[in-house]
Amino acid sequence: YYAEEITVGRVYPQLDEMAEKGLIKKMDKNGRGNKYRLTRRGVRDLQGHREWENQYLAPIDELSP
């Protein structure tokens, strides 16, 4: 959840940071911008985060009275 609007000015710095950390690979898209893909490390980190969510965050069904 973000209280502020997510803008291009916020997204691209985050993508650059993720690329620097080796989570995604930034590639040129025929001189018309960039395309991105997850690296193996990015996939592992994403899977680890999902496992953490599944372990520590209760499903919504369990929170309902």
N, C-alpha and C. Protein backbone atom coordinates (compact mmCIF):
# COMPACT_ATOMS: atom_id res chain seq x y z
N TYR A 1 0.83 -1.18 0.00
CA TYR A 1 0.00 0.00 0.00
C TYR A 1 0.88 1.24 0.00
N TYR A 2 0.56 2.17 -0.85
CA TYR A 2 1.28 3.44 -0.91
C TYR A 2 0.29 4.58 -0.74
N ALA A 3 0.63 5.51 0.13
CA ALA A 3 -0.23 6.67 0.34
C ALA A 3 -0.13 7.64 -0.83
N GLU A 4 1.00 7.61 -1.53
CA GLU A 4 1.21 8.51 -2.65
C GLU A 4 1.07 7.74 -3.96
N GLU A 5 0.80 8.49 -5.02
CA GLU A 5 0.70 7.88 -6.35
C GLU A 5 2.06 7.34 -6.77
N ILE A 6 2.07 6.18 -7.39
CA ILE A 6 3.30 5.60 -7.91
C ILE A 6 3.50 6.15 -9.31
N THR A 7 4.61 6.86 -9.51
CA THR A 7 4.88 7.52 -10.78
C THR A 7 6.11 6.91 -11.44
N VAL A 8 6.31 7.24 -12.70
CA VAL A 8 7.49 6.79 -13.43
C VAL A 8 8.76 7.23 -12.70
N GLY A 9 8.72 8.42 -12.13
CA GLY A 9 9.86 8.93 -11.39
C GLY A 9 10.22 8.11 -10.17
N ARG A 10 9.28 7.32 -9.67
CA ARG A 10 9.55 6.43 -8.54
C ARG A 10 9.87 5.02 -8.99
N VAL A 11 9.29 4.59 -10.09
CA VAL A 11 9.47 3.21 -10.55
C VAL A 11 10.87 2.96 -11.08
N TYR A 12 11.34 3.84 -11.97
CA TYR A 12 12.62 3.58 -12.62
C TYR A 12 13.80 3.56 -11.66
N PRO A 13 13.87 4.44 -10.65
CA PRO A 13 14.96 4.30 -9.68
C PRO A 13 14.91 2.96 -8.94
N GLN A 14 13.71 2.48 -8.65
CA GLN A 14 13.58 1.18 -7.99
C GLN A 14 14.06 0.05 -8.90
N LEU A 15 13.70 0.12 -10.17
CA LEU A 15 14.16 -0.89 -11.13
C LEU A 15 15.69 -0.86 -11.24
N ASP A 16 16.27 0.34 -11.28
CA ASP A 16 17.73 0.45 -11.34
C ASP A 16 18.38 -0.16 -10.10
N GLU A 17 17.81 0.09 -8.94
CA GLU A 17 18.34 -0.46 -7.69
C GLU A 17 18.25 -1.99 -7.70
N MET A 18 17.13 -2.51 -8.17
CA MET A 18 16.98 -3.97 -8.25
C MET A 18 17.99 -4.57 -9.22
N ALA A 19 18.27 -3.88 -10.31
CA ALA A 19 19.27 -4.35 -11.28
C ALA A 19 20.66 -4.34 -10.65
N GLU A 20 20.98 -3.30 -9.89
CA GLU A 20 22.28 -3.22 -9.22
C GLU A 20 22.45 -4.34 -8.21
N LYS A 21 21.37 -4.76 -7.58
CA LYS A 21 21.42 -5.85 -6.59
C LYS A 21 21.42 -7.23 -7.25
N GLY A 22 21.25 -7.26 -8.57
CA GLY A 22 21.26 -8.54 -9.27
C GLY A 22 19.94 -9.28 -9.24
N LEU A 23 18.86 -8.59 -8.89
CA LEU A 23 17.54 -9.23 -8.81
C LEU A 23 16.85 -9.28 -10.16
N ILE A 24 17.13 -8.29 -11.00
CA ILE A 24 16.57 -8.23 -12.35
C ILE A 24 17.68 -7.88 -13.32
N LYS A 25 17.46 -8.18 -14.58
CA LYS A 25 18.41 -7.79 -15.63
C LYS A 25 17.72 -6.75 -16.49
N LYS A 26 18.42 -5.64 -16.70
CA LYS A 26 17.91 -4.54 -17.52
C LYS A 26 18.48 -4.70 -18.92
N MET A 27 17.60 -4.71 -19.93
CA MET A 27 18.04 -4.90 -21.32
C MET A 27 17.43 -3.81 -22.19
N ASP A 28 18.17 -3.43 -23.22
CA ASP A 28 17.69 -2.45 -24.18
C ASP A 28 16.59 -3.07 -25.04
N LYS A 29 15.57 -2.30 -25.33
CA LYS A 29 14.45 -2.77 -26.14
C LYS A 29 14.47 -2.01 -27.46
N ASN A 30 15.39 -2.39 -28.35
CA ASN A 30 15.51 -1.78 -29.68
C ASN A 30 15.62 -0.26 -29.64
N GLY A 31 16.34 0.26 -28.65
CA GLY A 31 16.51 1.70 -28.55
C GLY A 31 15.26 2.46 -28.16
N ARG A 32 14.20 1.74 -27.78
CA ARG A 32 12.91 2.37 -27.47
C ARG A 32 12.55 2.19 -26.00
N GLY A 33 13.53 2.09 -25.17
CA GLY A 33 13.25 1.89 -23.76
C GLY A 33 13.97 0.65 -23.26
N ASN A 34 13.57 0.19 -22.12
CA ASN A 34 14.20 -0.98 -21.51
C ASN A 34 13.16 -2.06 -21.26
N LYS A 35 13.66 -3.27 -21.20
CA LYS A 35 12.83 -4.37 -20.72
C LYS A 35 13.61 -5.02 -19.58
N TYR A 36 12.90 -5.69 -18.72
CA TYR A 36 13.48 -6.26 -17.52
C TYR A 36 13.05 -7.70 -17.39
N ARG A 37 13.92 -8.50 -16.78
CA ARG A 37 13.54 -9.88 -16.46
C ARG A 37 14.17 -10.26 -15.14
N LEU A 38 13.52 -11.15 -14.43
CA LEU A 38 14.07 -11.64 -13.17
C LEU A 38 15.31 -12.47 -13.45
N THR A 39 16.30 -12.33 -12.59
CA THR A 39 17.47 -13.20 -12.65
C THR A 39 17.19 -14.42 -11.77
N ARG A 40 18.09 -15.38 -11.80
CA ARG A 40 17.92 -16.54 -10.91
C ARG A 40 17.88 -16.09 -9.46
N ARG A 41 18.76 -15.15 -9.12
CA ARG A 41 18.75 -14.62 -7.76
C ARG A 41 17.41 -13.95 -7.45
N GLY A 42 16.88 -13.20 -8.40
CA GLY A 42 15.59 -12.55 -8.20
C GLY A 42 14.47 -13.55 -7.98
N VAL A 43 14.50 -14.64 -8.74
CA VAL A 43 13.48 -15.69 -8.57
C VAL A 43 13.61 -16.30 -7.18
N ARG A 44 14.84 -16.62 -6.76
CA ARG A 44 15.05 -17.21 -5.43
C ARG A 44 14.58 -16.27 -4.33
N ASP A 45 14.93 -14.98 -4.45
CA ASP A 45 14.51 -14.02 -3.43
C ASP A 45 12.99 -13.88 -3.40
N LEU A 46 12.36 -13.85 -4.56
CA LEU A 46 10.90 -13.75 -4.62
C LEU A 46 10.24 -14.98 -4.02
N GLN A 47 10.77 -16.16 -4.33
CA GLN A 47 10.23 -17.39 -3.74
C GLN A 47 10.40 -17.38 -2.23
N GLY A 48 11.55 -16.92 -1.77
CA GLY A 48 11.79 -16.84 -0.32
C GLY A 48 10.82 -15.90 0.36
N HIS A 49 10.54 -14.79 -0.29
CA HIS A 49 9.59 -13.83 0.28
C HIS A 49 8.19 -14.43 0.34
N ARG A 50 7.80 -15.13 -0.72
CA ARG A 50 6.47 -15.77 -0.73
C ARG A 50 6.37 -16.83 0.36
N GLU A 51 7.44 -17.60 0.56
CA GLU A 51 7.44 -18.62 1.62
C GLU A 51 7.28 -17.95 2.99
N TRP A 52 7.98 -16.82 3.19
CA TRP A 52 7.87 -16.10 4.44
C TRP A 52 6.43 -15.62 4.64
N GLU A 53 5.84 -15.05 3.58
CA GLU A 53 4.45 -14.59 3.67
C GLU A 53 3.52 -15.74 4.04
N ASN A 54 3.69 -16.87 3.39
CA ASN A 54 2.83 -18.02 3.66
C ASN A 54 2.99 -18.52 5.09
N GLN A 55 4.19 -18.40 5.64
CA GLN A 55 4.44 -18.88 6.99
C GLN A 55 3.94 -17.91 8.06
N TYR A 56 4.15 -16.62 7.85
CA TYR A 56 3.91 -15.66 8.91
C TYR A 56 2.66 -14.80 8.76
N LEU A 57 2.09 -14.74 7.59
CA LEU A 57 0.89 -13.94 7.41
C LEU A 57 -0.31 -14.86 7.28
N ALA A 58 -1.27 -14.65 8.15
CA ALA A 58 -2.44 -15.52 8.15
C ALA A 58 -3.28 -15.28 6.91
N PRO A 59 -3.79 -16.35 6.32
CA PRO A 59 -4.72 -16.17 5.20
C PRO A 59 -5.93 -15.36 5.67
N ILE A 60 -6.53 -14.64 4.78
CA ILE A 60 -7.67 -13.77 5.11
C ILE A 60 -8.81 -14.59 5.71
N ASP A 61 -9.00 -15.82 5.27
CA ASP A 61 -10.07 -16.67 5.82
C ASP A 61 -9.91 -16.83 7.33
N GLU A 62 -8.68 -16.96 7.80
CA GLU A 62 -8.44 -17.19 9.22
C GLU A 62 -8.69 -15.93 10.04
N LEU A 63 -8.69 -14.77 9.42
CA LEU A 63 -8.89 -13.52 10.13
C LEU A 63 -10.36 -13.16 10.27
N SER A 64 -11.20 -13.77 9.47
CA SER A 64 -12.63 -13.45 9.51
C SER A 64 -13.26 -14.07 10.75
N PRO A 65 -14.19 -13.34 11.39
CA PRO A 65 -14.87 -13.88 12.60
C PRO A 65 -15.82 -15.00 12.26
